[in-house]
C-alpha atoms as a PDB file:
ATOM      1  CA  MET A   1      12.182  15.917   7.278  1.00  0.00           C
ATOM      2  CA  LYS A   2      11.150  17.232   3.878  1.00  0.00           C
ATOM      3  CA  ILE A   3       8.902  15.066   1.703  1.00  0.00           C
ATOM      4  CA  ALA A   4       7.507  16.019  -1.695  1.00  0.00           C
ATOM      5  CA  ILE A   5       4.330  14.599  -3.175  1.00  0.00           C
ATOM      6  CA  ILE A   6       4.144  14.963  -6.940  1.00  0.00           C
ATOM      7  CA  ASN A   7       0.924  14.119  -8.754  1.00  0.00           C
ATOM      8  CA  GLY A   8       0.524  13.906 -12.496  1.00  0.00           C
ATOM      9  CA  PRO A   9      -2.302  14.285 -14.972  1.00  0.00           C
ATOM     10  CA  ASN A  10      -5.947  14.188 -13.964  1.00  0.00           C
ATOM     11  CA  LEU A  11      -5.168  13.811 -10.260  1.00  0.00           C
ATOM     12  CA  ASN A  12      -6.409  17.377  -9.808  1.00  0.00           C
ATOM     13  CA  LEU A  13      -9.866  15.872 -10.461  1.00  0.00           C
ATOM     14  CA  LEU A  14      -9.855  13.473  -7.503  1.00  0.00           C
ATOM     15  CA  GLY A  15     -13.219  13.521  -5.787  1.00  0.00           C
ATOM     16  CA  LYS A  16     -14.940  14.216  -9.117  1.00  0.00           C
ATOM     17  CA  ARG A  17     -13.272  11.809 -11.535  1.00  0.00           C
ATOM     18  CA  GLU A  18     -14.410   8.171 -11.580  1.00  0.00           C
ATOM     19  CA  PRO A  19     -15.252   7.968  -7.865  1.00  0.00           C
ATOM     20  CA  ASP A  20     -15.783   4.214  -8.173  1.00  0.00           C
ATOM     21  CA  VAL A  21     -12.060   3.903  -8.996  1.00  0.00           C
ATOM     22  CA  TYR A  22     -10.511   6.869  -7.164  1.00  0.00           C
ATOM     23  CA  GLY A  23     -12.926   7.659  -4.328  1.00  0.00           C
ATOM     24  CA  ASN A  24     -14.836  10.804  -3.381  1.00  0.00           C
ATOM     25  CA  GLN A  25     -12.160  12.758  -1.487  1.00  0.00           C
ATOM     26  CA  THR A  26     -10.232  15.579  -3.138  1.00  0.00           C
ATOM     27  CA  PHE A  27      -6.481  15.409  -2.853  1.00  0.00           C
ATOM     28  CA  GLU A  28      -6.441  18.816  -1.196  1.00  0.00           C
ATOM     29  CA  ASP A  29      -8.674  17.527   1.611  1.00  0.00           C
ATOM     30  CA  TYR A  30      -6.564  14.391   1.954  1.00  0.00           C
ATOM     31  CA  LEU A  31      -3.401  16.504   2.074  1.00  0.00           C
ATOM     32  CA  LYS A  32      -4.815  18.629   4.912  1.00  0.00           C
ATOM     33  CA  ASP A  33      -5.460  15.450   6.908  1.00  0.00           C
ATOM     34  CA  LEU A  34      -1.981  14.111   6.135  1.00  0.00           C
ATOM     35  CA  LYS A  35      -0.294  17.351   7.201  1.00  0.00           C
ATOM     36  CA  ALA A  36      -2.334  17.392  10.415  1.00  0.00           C
ATOM     37  CA  LYS A  37      -1.326  13.806  11.199  1.00  0.00           C
ATOM     38  CA  TYR A  38       2.382  14.507  10.514  1.00  0.00           C
ATOM     39  CA  PRO A  39       2.955  18.096  11.739  1.00  0.00           C
ATOM     40  CA  LYS A  40       6.723  17.630  12.083  1.00  0.00           C
ATOM     41  CA  VAL A  41       7.110  16.671   8.423  1.00  0.00           C
ATOM     42  CA  GLU A  42       7.427  19.432   5.853  1.00  0.00           C
ATOM     43  CA  ILE A  43       5.206  18.165   3.047  1.00  0.00           C
ATOM     44  CA  HIS A  44       5.543  19.936  -0.284  1.00  0.00           C
ATOM     45  CA  TYR A  45       2.807  19.259  -2.865  1.00  0.00           C
ATOM     46  CA  PHE A  46       2.916  19.719  -6.612  1.00  0.00           C
ATOM     47  CA  GLN A  47       0.466  18.646  -9.313  1.00  0.00           C
ATOM     48  CA  SER A  48       0.607  19.154 -13.053  1.00  0.00           C
ATOM     49  CA  ASN A  49      -1.009  17.710 -16.121  1.00  0.00           C
ATOM     50  CA  LEU A  50       2.166  18.464 -18.124  1.00  0.00           C
ATOM     51  CA  GLU A  51       5.036  16.009 -18.423  1.00  0.00           C
ATOM     52  CA  GLY A  52       7.726  18.690 -18.604  1.00  0.00           C
ATOM     53  CA  ASP A  53       6.470  20.342 -15.424  1.00  0.00           C
ATOM     54  CA  LEU A  54       6.787  17.027 -13.575  1.00  0.00           C
ATOM     55  CA  ILE A  55      10.346  16.603 -14.848  1.00  0.00           C
ATOM     56  CA  ASN A  56      11.257  20.162 -13.866  1.00  0.00           C
ATOM     57  CA  VAL A  57       9.964  19.739 -10.311  1.00  0.00           C
ATOM     58  CA  LEU A  58      11.823  16.425  -9.956  1.00  0.00           C
ATOM     59  CA  HIS A  59      15.012  18.244 -10.978  1.00  0.00           C
ATOM     60  CA  GLU A  60      14.255  21.124  -8.603  1.00  0.00           C
ATOM     61  CA  LEU A  61      13.423  19.020  -5.528  1.00  0.00           C
ATOM     62  CA  GLY A  62      15.451  15.913  -6.227  1.00  0.00           C
ATOM     63  CA  PHE A  63      18.630  17.107  -4.529  1.00  0.00           C
ATOM     64  CA  ALA A  64      17.108  18.868  -1.515  1.00  0.00           C
ATOM     65  CA  PHE A  65      14.380  16.597  -0.115  1.00  0.00           C
ATOM     66  CA  ASN A  66      14.503  13.447   2.001  1.00  0.00           C
ATOM     67  CA  GLY A  67      11.965  11.639  -0.136  1.00  0.00           C
ATOM     68  CA  ILE A  68       9.611  12.032  -3.071  1.00  0.00           C
ATOM     69  CA  ILE A  69       6.274  10.289  -3.484  1.00  0.00           C
ATOM     70  CA  ILE A  70       5.137  10.319  -7.108  1.00  0.00           C
ATOM     71  CA  ASN A  71       1.905   9.360  -8.779  1.00  0.00           C
ATOM     72  CA  ALA A  72       2.614  10.153 -12.407  1.00  0.00           C
ATOM     73  CA  GLY A  73      -0.848   9.047 -13.501  1.00  0.00           C
ATOM     74  CA  GLY A  74      -0.924   7.949 -17.124  1.00  0.00           C
ATOM     75  CA  TYR A  75       2.696   9.047 -17.616  1.00  0.00           C
ATOM     76  CA  THR A  76       3.681   6.030 -15.515  1.00  0.00           C
ATOM     77  CA  HIS A  77       3.006   3.858 -18.532  1.00  0.00           C
ATOM     78  CA  THR A  78       4.464   6.115 -21.233  1.00  0.00           C
ATOM     79  CA  SER A  79       7.200   8.425 -19.968  1.00  0.00           C
ATOM     80  CA  VAL A  80      10.793   7.363 -20.349  1.00  0.00           C
ATOM     81  CA  ALA A  81      11.640  11.029 -19.695  1.00  0.00           C
ATOM     82  CA  ILE A  82      10.120  11.018 -16.184  1.00  0.00           C
ATOM     83  CA  ALA A  83      11.855   7.701 -15.455  1.00  0.00           C
ATOM     84  CA  ASP A  84      15.151   9.255 -16.567  1.00  0.00           C
ATOM     85  CA  ALA A  85      14.523  12.281 -14.316  1.00  0.00           C
ATOM     86  CA  ILE A  86      13.981   9.972 -11.334  1.00  0.00           C
ATOM     87  CA  ALA A  87      17.214   8.122 -12.164  1.00  0.00           C
ATOM     88  CA  ALA A  88      19.093  11.428 -12.402  1.00  0.00           C
ATOM     89  CA  ILE A  89      18.292  12.742  -8.912  1.00  0.00           C
ATOM     90  CA  ASN A  90      19.666  11.816  -5.478  1.00  0.00           C
ATOM     91  CA  THR A  91      16.406  11.843  -3.514  1.00  0.00           C
ATOM     92  CA  PRO A  92      14.769   8.416  -3.185  1.00  0.00           C
ATOM     93  CA  VAL A  93      11.377   8.118  -4.887  1.00  0.00           C
ATOM     94  CA  ILE A  94       8.389   5.886  -4.153  1.00  0.00           C
ATOM     95  CA  GLU A  95       5.797   5.361  -6.872  1.00  0.00           C
ATOM     96  CA  VAL A  96       2.167   5.381  -5.697  1.00  0.00           C
ATOM     97  CA  HIS A  97      -1.037   4.508  -7.532  1.00  0.00           C
ATOM     98  CA  ILE A  98      -4.474   4.907  -5.983  1.00  0.00           C
ATOM     99  CA  SER A  99      -6.010   2.138  -8.051  1.00  0.00           C
ATOM    100  CA  ASN A 100      -4.582  -1.339  -8.548  1.00  0.00           C
ATOM    101  CA  ILE A 101      -2.886  -0.838 -11.907  1.00  0.00           C
ATOM    102  CA  PHE A 102      -2.567  -4.609 -12.297  1.00  0.00           C
ATOM    103  CA  ALA A 103      -6.335  -5.091 -12.112  1.00  0.00           C
ATOM    104  CA  ARG A 104      -6.937  -2.587 -14.911  1.00  0.00           C
ATOM    105  CA  GLU A 105      -6.206  -2.423 -18.637  1.00  0.00           C
ATOM    106  CA  ASP A 106      -3.136  -4.303 -19.854  1.00  0.00           C
ATOM    107  CA  PHE A 107      -1.231  -1.128 -20.788  1.00  0.00           C
ATOM    108  CA  ARG A 108      -1.393  -0.025 -17.133  1.00  0.00           C
ATOM    109  CA  HIS A 109       0.532  -3.119 -16.043  1.00  0.00           C
ATOM    110  CA  VAL A 110       3.757  -1.537 -17.323  1.00  0.00           C
ATOM    111  CA  SER A 111       5.522   1.145 -15.289  1.00  0.00           C
ATOM    112  CA  TYR A 112       8.532   2.896 -16.742  1.00  0.00           C
ATOM    113  CA  LEU A 113       9.074   4.564 -13.364  1.00  0.00           C
ATOM    114  CA  GLY A 114       9.021   1.539 -11.079  1.00  0.00           C
ATOM    115  CA  ALA A 115      12.542   0.336 -11.865  1.00  0.00           C
ATOM    116  CA  LYS A 116      13.930   3.781 -11.006  1.00  0.00           C
ATOM    117  CA  CYS A 117      12.063   4.002  -7.680  1.00  0.00           C
ATOM    118  CA  ILE A 118      12.938   2.372  -4.365  1.00  0.00           C
ATOM    119  CA  GLY A 119       9.433   0.924  -4.201  1.00  0.00           C
ATOM    120  CA  SER A 120       5.900   0.979  -5.563  1.00  0.00           C
ATOM    121  CA  ILE A 121       2.511   0.987  -3.861  1.00  0.00           C
ATOM    122  CA  SER A 122      -0.598   0.222  -5.885  1.00  0.00           C
ATOM    123  CA  GLY A 123      -4.268  -0.299  -5.167  1.00  0.00           C
ATOM    124  CA  LEU A 124      -4.517   0.906  -1.572  1.00  0.00           C
ATOM    125  CA  GLY A 125      -6.324   4.143  -2.346  1.00  0.00           C
ATOM    126  CA  LEU A 126      -5.055   7.402  -0.899  1.00  0.00           C
ATOM    127  CA  LYS A 127      -3.618   5.393   2.017  1.00  0.00           C
ATOM    128  CA  GLY A 128      -0.714   4.553  -0.330  1.00  0.00           C
ATOM    129  CA  TYR A 129       0.658   8.083   0.082  1.00  0.00           C
ATOM    130  CA  GLU A 130       0.706   7.733   3.859  1.00  0.00           C
ATOM    131  CA  LEU A 131       2.373   4.331   3.637  1.00  0.00           C
ATOM    132  CA  ALA A 132       5.091   5.843   1.444  1.00  0.00           C
ATOM    133  CA  LEU A 133       5.519   8.701   3.931  1.00  0.00           C
ATOM    134  CA  GLU A 134       5.787   6.188   6.790  1.00  0.00           C
ATOM    135  CA  TYR A 135       8.522   4.374   4.895  1.00  0.00           C
ATOM    136  CA  PHE A 136      10.546   7.571   4.629  1.00  0.00           C
ATOM    137  CA  LEU A 137      10.010   8.283   8.320  1.00  0.00           C
ATOM    138  CA  ASN A 138      10.792   4.817   9.607  1.00  0.00           C
ATOM    139  CA  GLY A 139      12.669   3.236   6.696  1.00  0.00           C
END
C-alpha cells in the first residue's frame, strides 16, 4: 500500500512553532515513528510552503497512490485551486488538522478542501495522521 502525506505551509516548523497549539515534536520525528509502526506501508512525505508545489504533487501522486493525507495548513481556508486539484485526481484524500480548527479563529472554520475529501480529522494532534492511515488500511 502506498500512502502520501502532504503538508502545507509552516508545518516544517512543527516542534518550534506555537508548541501550545501544535506540540513539541517535529514532523520528521513523528514520521519516523509512523514508518516504524507501519513497515509494510510505503509512506511518501512531501511538505511545501508554496501552493503551486502542493497542487503539482497532488497531480503527480493522485493517480498512483492508494491514499493521500493532506494538511494544507492555512491554504485549507483560502485555496480553491488545491480543492480543485483534489477533485481532479483519482486517489482518495483525507484532510487532517493538528489543532481543532473549529475552536480557533472564525476564518479557520471554513475548509475549501473538506468537500472534496472523503473525510476530515481535526483537533487530535499528530494522531490524526495515524487515524487517517488506519482508515486507508482498514477502510
